């Protein structure tokens, strides 16, 4: 993993475990710096969203 899609600026916009024909055909290794940075940003955004959801339920 992962196959990636890129935005207009050339930054990773999404990652997929499997090839997505005509969408995500570029493969990068897990330890690629772009993949690591995207994963870290995604994890942080998910944690923030989970915190907001918890606050809404309290």
Protein backbone atom coordinates (compact mmCIF):
# COMPACT_ATOMS: atom_id res chain seq x y z
CA UNK A 1 0.00 0.00 0.00
CA UNK A 2 -0.77 2.70 -1.02
CA UNK A 3 -1.96 3.80 -4.38
CA UNK A 4 -2.47 7.54 -4.33
CA UNK A 5 -4.49 10.27 -5.98
CA UNK A 6 -3.16 13.80 -6.20
CA UNK A 7 -4.81 17.22 -6.18
CA UNK A 8 -4.15 20.05 -8.66
CA UNK A 9 -1.08 21.09 -6.65
CA UNK A 10 0.41 17.60 -6.89
CA UNK A 11 -0.15 16.78 -3.22
CA UNK A 12 -1.55 13.43 -2.12
CA UNK A 13 -5.32 13.78 -1.85
CA UNK A 14 -6.25 10.17 -1.12
CA UNK A 15 -4.77 6.73 -0.56
CA UNK A 16 -6.10 3.31 -1.50
CA UNK A 17 -4.98 -0.20 -0.67
CA UNK A 18 -5.65 -1.41 -4.20
CA UNK A 19 -5.16 0.03 -7.66
CA UNK A 20 -8.05 2.27 -8.71
CA UNK A 21 -8.02 2.32 -12.53
CA UNK A 22 -8.03 5.83 -13.97
CA UNK A 23 -8.10 7.27 -10.45
CA UNK A 24 -5.28 6.02 -8.23
CA UNK A 25 -2.65 4.27 -10.28
CA UNK A 26 0.49 5.73 -8.69
CA UNK A 27 2.02 3.37 -6.12
CA UNK A 28 4.20 4.69 -3.31
CA UNK A 29 5.86 2.68 -0.52
CA UNK A 30 4.54 3.05 3.03
CA UNK A 31 7.71 4.83 4.14
CA UNK A 32 7.58 7.47 1.39
CA UNK A 33 7.77 10.91 3.10
CA UNK A 34 4.62 12.11 1.32
CA UNK A 35 2.69 9.03 2.43
CA UNK A 36 3.89 9.40 6.02
CA UNK A 37 2.93 13.10 6.10
CA UNK A 38 -0.51 12.45 4.58
CA UNK A 39 -1.15 9.65 7.09
CA UNK A 40 -0.15 11.86 10.00
CA UNK A 41 -2.44 14.67 8.82
CA UNK A 42 -5.30 12.23 8.28
CA UNK A 43 -4.83 10.68 11.72
CA UNK A 44 -4.80 14.13 13.34
CA UNK A 45 -7.94 15.21 11.46
CA UNK A 46 -9.74 12.01 12.47
CA UNK A 47 -8.78 12.45 16.13
CA UNK A 48 -10.04 16.05 16.04
CA UNK A 49 -13.33 14.97 14.49
CA UNK A 50 -13.76 12.21 17.08
CA UNK A 51 -13.19 14.75 19.88
CA UNK A 52 -15.80 17.10 18.39
CA UNK A 53 -18.32 14.26 18.12
CA UNK A 54 -17.72 13.27 21.75
CA UNK A 55 -18.27 16.87 22.86
CA UNK A 56 -21.55 17.04 20.95
CA UNK A 57 -22.79 13.93 22.75
CA UNK A 58 -21.96 15.25 26.20
